[in-house]
PDB file of N, CA and C in Angstrom:
ATOM      1  N   MET A   1      26.604  16.638 -53.412  1.00  0.00           N
ATOM      2  CA  MET A   1      25.155  16.523 -53.313  1.00  0.00           C
ATOM      3  C   MET A   1      24.709  15.147 -53.806  1.00  0.00           C
ATOM      4  N   GLN A   2      25.345  14.663 -54.855  1.00  0.00           N
ATOM      5  CA  GLN A   2      24.982  13.369 -55.434  1.00  0.00           C
ATOM      6  C   GLN A   2      25.078  12.250 -54.393  1.00  0.00           C
ATOM      7  N   GLN A   3      26.138  12.256 -53.610  1.00  0.00           N
ATOM      8  CA  GLN A   3      26.328  11.221 -52.597  1.00  0.00           C
ATOM      9  C   GLN A   3      25.242  11.294 -51.522  1.00  0.00           C
ATOM     10  N   LEU A   4      24.890  12.496 -51.096  1.00  0.00           N
ATOM     11  CA  LEU A   4      23.825  12.658 -50.100  1.00  0.00           C
ATOM     12  C   LEU A   4      22.491  12.155 -50.640  1.00  0.00           C
ATOM     13  N   LEU A   5      22.215  12.457 -51.901  1.00  0.00           N
ATOM     14  CA  LEU A   5      20.980  11.981 -52.524  1.00  0.00           C
ATOM     15  C   LEU A   5      20.939  10.458 -52.568  1.00  0.00           C
ATOM     16  N   ASN A   6      22.049   9.849 -52.960  1.00  0.00           N
ATOM     17  CA  ASN A   6      22.107   8.387 -53.011  1.00  0.00           C
ATOM     18  C   ASN A   6      21.826   7.770 -51.645  1.00  0.00           C
ATOM     19  N   ILE A   7      22.426   8.312 -50.610  1.00  0.00           N
ATOM     20  CA  ILE A   7      22.230   7.783 -49.252  1.00  0.00           C
ATOM     21  C   ILE A   7      20.770   7.934 -48.832  1.00  0.00           C
ATOM     22  N   ALA A   8      20.202   9.122 -49.053  1.00  0.00           N
ATOM     23  CA  ALA A   8      18.800   9.362 -48.662  1.00  0.00           C
ATOM     24  C   ALA A   8      17.842   8.466 -49.437  1.00  0.00           C
ATOM     25  N   MET A   9      18.130   8.210 -50.709  1.00  0.00           N
ATOM     26  CA  MET A   9      17.262   7.339 -51.511  1.00  0.00           C
ATOM     27  C   MET A   9      17.332   5.890 -51.046  1.00  0.00           C
ATOM     28  N   GLN A  10      18.459   5.481 -50.507  1.00  0.00           N
ATOM     29  CA  GLN A  10      18.600   4.118 -50.007  1.00  0.00           C
ATOM     30  C   GLN A  10      17.942   3.926 -48.641  1.00  0.00           C
ATOM     31  N   ARG A  11      17.707   5.018 -47.925  1.00  0.00           N
ATOM     32  CA  ARG A  11      17.124   4.938 -46.577  1.00  0.00           C
ATOM     33  C   ARG A  11      15.947   5.917 -46.440  1.00  0.00           C
ATOM     34  N   PRO A  12      14.917   5.790 -47.294  1.00  0.00           N
ATOM     35  CA  PRO A  12      13.831   6.774 -47.325  1.00  0.00           C
ATOM     36  C   PRO A  12      13.002   6.853 -46.047  1.00  0.00           C
ATOM     37  N   ASP A  13      12.942   5.771 -45.272  1.00  0.00           N
ATOM     38  CA  ASP A  13      12.170   5.812 -44.029  1.00  0.00           C
ATOM     39  C   ASP A  13      12.952   6.471 -42.902  1.00  0.00           C
ATOM     40  N   ASP A  14      14.265   6.574 -43.064  1.00  0.00           N
ATOM     41  CA  ASP A  14      15.119   7.063 -41.988  1.00  0.00           C
ATOM     42  C   ASP A  14      15.666   8.466 -42.193  1.00  0.00           C
ATOM     43  N   LEU A  15      15.874   8.864 -43.454  1.00  0.00           N
ATOM     44  CA  LEU A  15      16.585  10.111 -43.715  1.00  0.00           C
ATOM     45  C   LEU A  15      15.842  11.029 -44.678  1.00  0.00           C
ATOM     46  N   VAL A  16      15.994  12.323 -44.456  1.00  0.00           N
ATOM     47  CA  VAL A  16      15.573  13.352 -45.399  1.00  0.00           C
ATOM     48  C   VAL A  16      16.785  14.236 -45.662  1.00  0.00           C
ATOM     49  N   LEU A  17      16.670  15.066 -46.657  1.00  0.00           N
ATOM     50  CA  LEU A  17      17.744  15.972 -47.025  1.00  0.00           C
ATOM     51  C   LEU A  17      17.266  17.403 -46.831  1.00  0.00           C
ATOM     52  N   THR A  18      18.003  18.175 -46.033  1.00  0.00           N
ATOM     53  CA  THR A  18      17.724  19.604 -45.952  1.00  0.00           C
ATOM     54  C   THR A  18      18.670  20.282 -46.922  1.00  0.00           C
ATOM     55  N   LEU A  19      18.175  21.311 -47.619  1.00  0.00           N
ATOM     56  CA  LEU A  19      19.004  21.983 -48.613  1.00  0.00           C
ATOM     57  C   LEU A  19      18.497  23.388 -48.875  1.00  0.00           C
ATOM     58  N   GLU A  20      19.332  24.159 -49.522  1.00  0.00           N
ATOM     59  CA  GLU A  20      18.930  25.464 -50.040  1.00  0.00           C
ATOM     60  C   GLU A  20      18.726  25.279 -51.531  1.00  0.00           C
ATOM     61  N   TYR A  21      17.630  25.831 -52.054  1.00  0.00           N
ATOM     62  CA  TYR A  21      17.305  25.654 -53.463  1.00  0.00           C
ATOM     63  C   TYR A  21      17.026  27.005 -54.103  1.00  0.00           C
ATOM     64  N   VAL A  22      17.574  27.210 -55.287  1.00  0.00           N
ATOM     65  CA  VAL A  22      17.328  28.427 -56.058  1.00  0.00           C
ATOM     66  C   VAL A  22      16.411  28.061 -57.216  1.00  0.00           C
ATOM     67  N   ASP A  23      15.216  28.650 -57.260  1.00  0.00           N
ATOM     68  CA  ASP A  23      14.272  28.309 -58.324  1.00  0.00           C
ATOM     69  C   ASP A  23      14.608  29.049 -59.619  1.00  0.00           C
ATOM     70  N   SER A  24      13.819  28.840 -60.637  1.00  0.00           N
ATOM     71  CA  SER A  24      14.093  29.421 -61.955  1.00  0.00           C
ATOM     72  C   SER A  24      14.014  30.945 -61.960  1.00  0.00           C
ATOM     73  N   LYS A  25      13.371  31.532 -60.949  1.00  0.00           N
ATOM     74  CA  LYS A  25      13.267  32.986 -60.844  1.00  0.00           C
ATOM     75  C   LYS A  25      14.358  33.582 -59.959  1.00  0.00           C
ATOM     76  N   GLY A  26      15.226  32.715 -59.427  1.00  0.00           N
ATOM     77  CA  GLY A  26      16.317  33.192 -58.587  1.00  0.00           C
ATOM     78  C   GLY A  26      15.995  33.289 -57.111  1.00  0.00           C
ATOM     79  N   CYS A  27      14.805  32.841 -56.707  1.00  0.00           N
ATOM     80  CA  CYS A  27      14.427  32.869 -55.297  1.00  0.00           C
ATOM     81  C   CYS A  27      15.088  31.700 -54.572  1.00  0.00           C
ATOM     82  N   LYS A  28      15.757  32.002 -53.465  1.00  0.00           N
ATOM     83  CA  LYS A  28      16.467  30.976 -52.697  1.00  0.00           C
ATOM     84  C   LYS A  28      15.653  30.629 -51.458  1.00  0.00           C
ATOM     85  N   THR A  29      15.365  29.328 -51.289  1.00  0.00           N
ATOM     86  CA  THR A  29      14.592  28.868 -50.143  1.00  0.00           C
ATOM     87  C   THR A  29      15.277  27.685 -49.478  1.00  0.00           C
ATOM     88  N   LYS A  30      14.937  27.469 -48.214  1.00  0.00           N
ATOM     89  CA  LYS A  30      15.405  26.286 -47.488  1.00  0.00           C
ATOM     90  C   LYS A  30      14.309  25.250 -47.584  1.00  0.00           C
ATOM     91  N   ARG A  31      14.685  24.027 -47.962  1.00  0.00           N
ATOM     92  CA  ARG A  31      13.710  22.949 -48.163  1.00  0.00           C
ATOM     93  C   ARG A  31      14.094  21.713 -47.369  1.00  0.00           C
ATOM     94  N   VAL A  32      13.089  20.911 -47.077  1.00  0.00           N
ATOM     95  CA  VAL A  32      13.285  19.575 -46.527  1.00  0.00           C
ATOM     96  C   VAL A  32      12.675  18.632 -47.552  1.00  0.00           C
ATOM     97  N   VAL A  33      13.504  17.721 -48.075  1.00  0.00           N
ATOM     98  CA  VAL A  33      13.106  16.883 -49.206  1.00  0.00           C
ATOM     99  C   VAL A  33      13.397  15.421 -48.911  1.00  0.00           C
ATOM    100  N   SER A  34      12.460  14.571 -49.287  1.00  0.00           N
ATOM    101  CA  SER A  34      12.686  13.133 -49.269  1.00  0.00           C
ATOM    102  C   SER A  34      12.908  12.711 -50.719  1.00  0.00           C
ATOM    103  N   PRO A  35      14.173  12.520 -51.129  1.00  0.00           N
ATOM    104  CA  PRO A  35      14.450  12.170 -52.528  1.00  0.00           C
ATOM    105  C   PRO A  35      13.818  10.831 -52.909  1.00  0.00           C
ATOM    106  N   ILE A  36      13.252  10.772 -54.116  1.00  0.00           N
ATOM    107  CA  ILE A  36      12.574   9.563 -54.590  1.00  0.00           C
ATOM    108  C   ILE A  36      13.431   8.837 -55.631  1.00  0.00           C
ATOM    109  N   ARG A  37      13.812   9.552 -56.702  1.00  0.00           N
ATOM    110  CA  ARG A  37      14.616   8.927 -57.753  1.00  0.00           C
ATOM    111  C   ARG A  37      15.226  10.006 -58.637  1.00  0.00           C
ATOM    112  N   PHE A  38      16.267   9.612 -59.353  1.00  0.00           N
ATOM    113  CA  PHE A  38      16.884  10.501 -60.327  1.00  0.00           C
ATOM    114  C   PHE A  38      16.044  10.503 -61.586  1.00  0.00           C
ATOM    115  N   LEU A  39      15.857  11.671 -62.178  1.00  0.00           N
ATOM    116  CA  LEU A  39      15.147  11.800 -63.454  1.00  0.00           C
ATOM    117  C   LEU A  39      16.139  11.868 -64.611  1.00  0.00           C
ATOM    118  N   SER A  40      17.333  12.358 -64.319  1.00  0.00           N
ATOM    119  CA  SER A  40      18.435  12.442 -65.276  1.00  0.00           C
ATOM    120  C   SER A  40      19.705  12.707 -64.472  1.00  0.00           C
ATOM    121  N   ARG A  41      20.801  12.964 -65.139  1.00  0.00           N
ATOM    122  CA  ARG A  41      22.045  13.237 -64.413  1.00  0.00           C
ATOM    123  C   ARG A  41      21.966  14.515 -63.599  1.00  0.00           C
ATOM    124  N   ASP A  42      21.124  15.465 -64.029  1.00  0.00           N
ATOM    125  CA  ASP A  42      21.088  16.759 -63.371  1.00  0.00           C
ATOM    126  C   ASP A  42      19.791  17.059 -62.614  1.00  0.00           C
ATOM    127  N   ARG A  43      18.876  16.094 -62.539  1.00  0.00           N
ATOM    128  CA  ARG A  43      17.591  16.336 -61.877  1.00  0.00           C
ATOM    129  C   ARG A  43      17.175  15.129 -61.045  1.00  0.00           C
ATOM    130  N   PHE A  44      16.431  15.416 -59.973  1.00  0.00           N
ATOM    131  CA  PHE A  44      15.845  14.335 -59.196  1.00  0.00           C
ATOM    132  C   PHE A  44      14.429  14.704 -58.790  1.00  0.00           C
ATOM    133  N   LEU A  45      13.635  13.684 -58.542  1.00  0.00           N
ATOM    134  CA  LEU A  45      12.277  13.834 -58.047  1.00  0.00           C
ATOM    135  C   LEU A  45      12.318  13.613 -56.548  1.00  0.00           C
ATOM    136  N   GLY A  46      11.693  14.505 -55.811  1.00  0.00           N
ATOM    137  CA  GLY A  46      11.676  14.364 -54.365  1.00  0.00           C
ATOM    138  C   GLY A  46      10.365  14.858 -53.796  1.00  0.00           C
ATOM    139  N   LEU A  47       9.978  14.292 -52.671  1.00  0.00           N
ATOM    140  CA  LEU A  47       8.802  14.768 -51.961  1.00  0.00           C
ATOM    141  C   LEU A  47       9.232  15.973 -51.144  1.00  0.00           C
ATOM    142  N   CYS A  48       8.754  17.143 -51.528  1.00  0.00           N
ATOM    143  CA  CYS A  48       9.061  18.370 -50.797  1.00  0.00           C
ATOM    144  C   CYS A  48       8.134  18.420 -49.586  1.00  0.00           C
ATOM    145  N   LEU A  49       8.698  18.349 -48.387  1.00  0.00           N
ATOM    146  CA  LEU A  49       7.886  18.333 -47.178  1.00  0.00           C
ATOM    147  C   LEU A  49       7.284  19.697 -46.878  1.00  0.00           C
ATOM    148  N   SER A  50       7.742  20.736 -47.557  1.00  0.00           N
ATOM    149  CA  SER A  50       7.151  22.066 -47.403  1.00  0.00           C
ATOM    150  C   SER A  50       5.919  22.223 -48.288  1.00  0.00           C
ATOM    151  N   ARG A  51       6.013  21.738 -49.494  1.00  0.00           N
ATOM    152  CA  ARG A  51       4.891  21.850 -50.439  1.00  0.00           C
ATOM    153  C   ARG A  51       3.937  20.658 -50.360  1.00  0.00           C
ATOM    154  N   CYS A  52       4.350  19.610 -49.654  1.00  0.00           N
ATOM    155  CA  CYS A  52       3.530  18.402 -49.472  1.00  0.00           C
ATOM    156  C   CYS A  52       3.179  17.735 -50.800  1.00  0.00           C
ATOM    157  N   GLU A  53       4.132  17.768 -51.735  1.00  0.00           N
ATOM    158  CA  GLU A  53       3.914  17.127 -53.028  1.00  0.00           C
ATOM    159  C   GLU A  53       5.251  16.842 -53.699  1.00  0.00           C
ATOM    160  N   PRO A  54       5.253  15.907 -54.641  1.00  0.00           N
ATOM    161  CA  PRO A  54       6.485  15.625 -55.372  1.00  0.00           C
ATOM    162  C   PRO A  54       6.891  16.834 -56.211  1.00  0.00           C
ATOM    163  N   ARG A  55       8.193  17.102 -56.227  1.00  0.00           N
ATOM    164  CA  ARG A  55       8.721  18.219 -57.000  1.00  0.00           C
ATOM    165  C   ARG A  55       9.990  17.771 -57.709  1.00  0.00           C
ATOM    166  N   GLN A  56      10.280  18.420 -58.811  1.00  0.00           N
ATOM    167  CA  GLN A  56      11.514  18.173 -59.556  1.00  0.00           C
ATOM    168  C   GLN A  56      12.559  19.192 -59.094  1.00  0.00           C
ATOM    169  N   PHE A  57      13.760  18.722 -58.809  1.00  0.00           N
ATOM    170  CA  PHE A  57      14.842  19.588 -58.364  1.00  0.00           C
ATOM    171  C   PHE A  57      16.036  19.440 -59.295  1.00  0.00           C
ATOM    172  N   TYR A  58      16.625  20.556 -59.685  1.00  0.00           N
ATOM    173  CA  TYR A  58      17.867  20.544 -60.450  1.00  0.00           C
ATOM    174  C   TYR A  58      19.019  20.511 -59.457  1.00  0.00           C
ATOM    175  N   ILE A  59      19.879  19.529 -59.592  1.00  0.00           N
ATOM    176  CA  ILE A  59      20.978  19.348 -58.649  1.00  0.00           C
ATOM    177  C   ILE A  59      21.873  20.577 -58.611  1.00  0.00           C
ATOM    178  N   SER A  60      22.084  21.218 -59.748  1.00  0.00           N
ATOM    179  CA  SER A  60      22.948  22.396 -59.798  1.00  0.00           C
ATOM    180  C   SER A  60      22.376  23.579 -59.026  1.00  0.00           C
ATOM    181  N   ARG A  61      21.086  23.563 -58.720  1.00  0.00           N
ATOM    182  CA  ARG A  61      20.449  24.642 -57.962  1.00  0.00           C
ATOM    183  C   ARG A  61      20.379  24.342 -56.465  1.00  0.00           C
ATOM    184  N   CYS A  62      20.887  23.178 -56.070  1.00  0.00           N
ATOM    185  CA  CYS A  62      20.877  22.761 -54.666  1.00  0.00           C
ATOM    186  C   CYS A  62      22.228  23.069 -54.018  1.00  0.00           C
ATOM    187  N   SER A  63      22.191  23.497 -52.768  1.00  0.00           N
ATOM    188  CA  SER A  63      23.440  23.731 -52.030  1.00  0.00           C
ATOM    189  C   SER A  63      23.197  23.467 -50.544  1.00  0.00           C
ATOM    190  N   ASN A  64      24.286  23.372 -49.805  1.00  0.00           N
ATOM    191  CA  ASN A  64      24.246  23.193 -48.351  1.00  0.00           C
ATOM    192  C   ASN A  64      23.373  22.016 -47.917  1.00  0.00           C
ATOM    193  N   GLY A  65      23.483  20.911 -48.642  1.00  0.00           N
ATOM    194  CA  GLY A  65      22.703  19.721 -48.311  1.00  0.00           C
ATOM    195  C   GLY A  65      23.215  19.028 -47.059  1.00  0.00           C
ATOM    196  N   ARG A  66      22.275  18.569 -46.254  1.00  0.00           N
ATOM    197  CA  ARG A  66      22.604  17.816 -45.038  1.00  0.00           C
ATOM    198  C   ARG A  66      21.561  16.730 -44.830  1.00  0.00           C
ATOM    199  N   LEU A  67      22.036  15.556 -44.429  1.00  0.00           N
ATOM    200  CA  LEU A  67      21.122  14.470 -44.084  1.00  0.00           C
ATOM    201  C   LEU A  67      20.626  14.668 -42.667  1.00  0.00           C
ATOM    202  N   LYS A  68      19.328  14.459 -42.474  1.00  0.00           N
ATOM    203  CA  LYS A  68      18.700  14.611 -41.156  1.00  0.00           C
ATOM    204  C   LYS A  68      17.776  13.419 -40.916  1.00  0.00           C
ATOM    205  N   PRO A  69      17.525  13.088 -39.640  1.00  0.00           N
ATOM    206  CA  PRO A  69      16.581  12.007 -39.344  1.00  0.00           C
ATOM    207  C   PRO A  69      15.172  12.370 -39.808  1.00  0.00           C
ATOM    208  N   ALA A  70      14.543  11.501 -40.565  1.00  0.00           N
ATOM    209  CA  ALA A  70      13.190  11.754 -41.062  1.00  0.00           C
ATOM    210  C   ALA A  70      12.193  11.906 -39.914  1.00  0.00           C
ATOM    211  N   ALA A  71      12.440  11.227 -38.813  1.00  0.00           N
ATOM    212  CA  ALA A  71      11.526  11.283 -37.666  1.00  0.00           C
ATOM    213  C   ALA A  71      11.440  12.678 -37.050  1.00  0.00           C
ATOM    214  N   ASP A  72      12.385  13.552 -37.388  1.00  0.00           N
ATOM    215  CA  ASP A  72      12.374  14.914 -36.836  1.00  0.00           C
ATOM    216  C   ASP A  72      11.435  15.856 -37.582  1.00  0.00           C
ATOM    217  N   TYR A  73      10.824  15.387 -38.680  1.00  0.00           N
ATOM    218  CA  TYR A  73      10.011  16.265 -39.529  1.00  0.00           C
ATOM    219  C   TYR A  73       8.639  15.674 -39.782  1.00  0.00           C
ATOM    220  N   VAL A  74       7.626  16.549 -39.746  1.00  0.00           N
ATOM    221  CA  VAL A  74       6.243  16.186 -40.048  1.00  0.00           C
ATOM    222  C   VAL A  74       5.739  17.213 -41.061  1.00  0.00           C
ATOM    223  N   MET A  75       5.091  16.726 -42.123  1.00  0.00           N
ATOM    224  CA  MET A  75       4.541  17.666 -43.117  1.00  0.00           C
ATOM    225  C   MET A  75       3.362  18.406 -42.531  1.00  0.00           C
ATOM    226  N   PRO A  76       3.177  19.659 -42.912  1.00  0.00           N
ATOM    227  CA  PRO A  76       4.062  20.452 -43.743  1.00  0.00           C
ATOM    228  C   PRO A  76       5.189  21.098 -42.908  1.00  0.00           C
ATOM    229  N   VAL A  77       6.350  21.133 -43.494  1.00  0.00           N
ATOM    230  CA  VAL A  77       7.502  21.797 -42.872  1.00  0.00           C
ATOM    231  C   VAL A  77       7.533  23.220 -43.423  1.00  0.00           C
ATOM    232  N   PRO A  78       7.615  24.217 -42.567  1.00  0.00           N
ATOM    233  CA  PRO A  78       7.665  25.597 -43.086  1.00  0.00           C
ATOM    234  C   PRO A  78       8.840  25.779 -44.046  1.00  0.00           C
ATOM    235  N   MET A  79       8.581  26.469 -45.161  1.00  0.00           N
ATOM    236  CA  MET A  79       9.625  26.757 -46.136  1.00  0.00           C
ATOM    237  C   MET A  79      10.118  28.172 -45.868  1.00  0.00           C
ATOM    238  N   ALA A  80      11.377  28.303 -45.551  1.00  0.00           N
ATOM    239  CA  ALA A  80      11.941  29.598 -45.192  1.00  0.00           C
ATOM    240  C   ALA A  80      12.756  30.168 -46.333  1.00  0.00           C
ATOM    241  N   SER A  81      12.777  31.463 -46.394  1.00  0.00           N
ATOM    242  CA  SER A  81      13.660  32.139 -47.340  1.00  0.00           C
ATOM    243  C   SER A  81      15.089  31.923 -46.894  1.00  0.00           C
ATOM    244  N   ALA A  82      15.968  31.693 -47.829  1.00  0.00           N
ATOM    245  CA  ALA A  82      17.376  31.418 -47.493  1.00  0.00           C
ATOM    246  C   ALA A  82      18.226  32.669 -47.592  1.00  0.00           C
ATOM    247  N   GLY A  83      17.628  33.799 -47.702  1.00  0.00           N
ATOM    248  CA  GLY A  83      18.426  35.014 -47.695  1.00  0.00           C
ATOM    249  C   GLY A  83      18.232  35.806 -48.873  1.00  0.00           C
TER     250      GLY A  83
END
């Protein structure tokens, strides 16, 4: 996940990251995120295209990350349950 975040942060106009995220209550959702910067070794700040606002993400709660062309997404992106 760290490598994908680094790539997306270096190319913010071109790439977004799709991922599954588990929140503090255990709810798993699919998100589209434009990573902004690392806040610490285990957290990053990203623009959540579903919530249309910056959000803090714990890297350990992220899975199934994939880089996608940013041009394929327009806010707001529907946030789906991941199962």
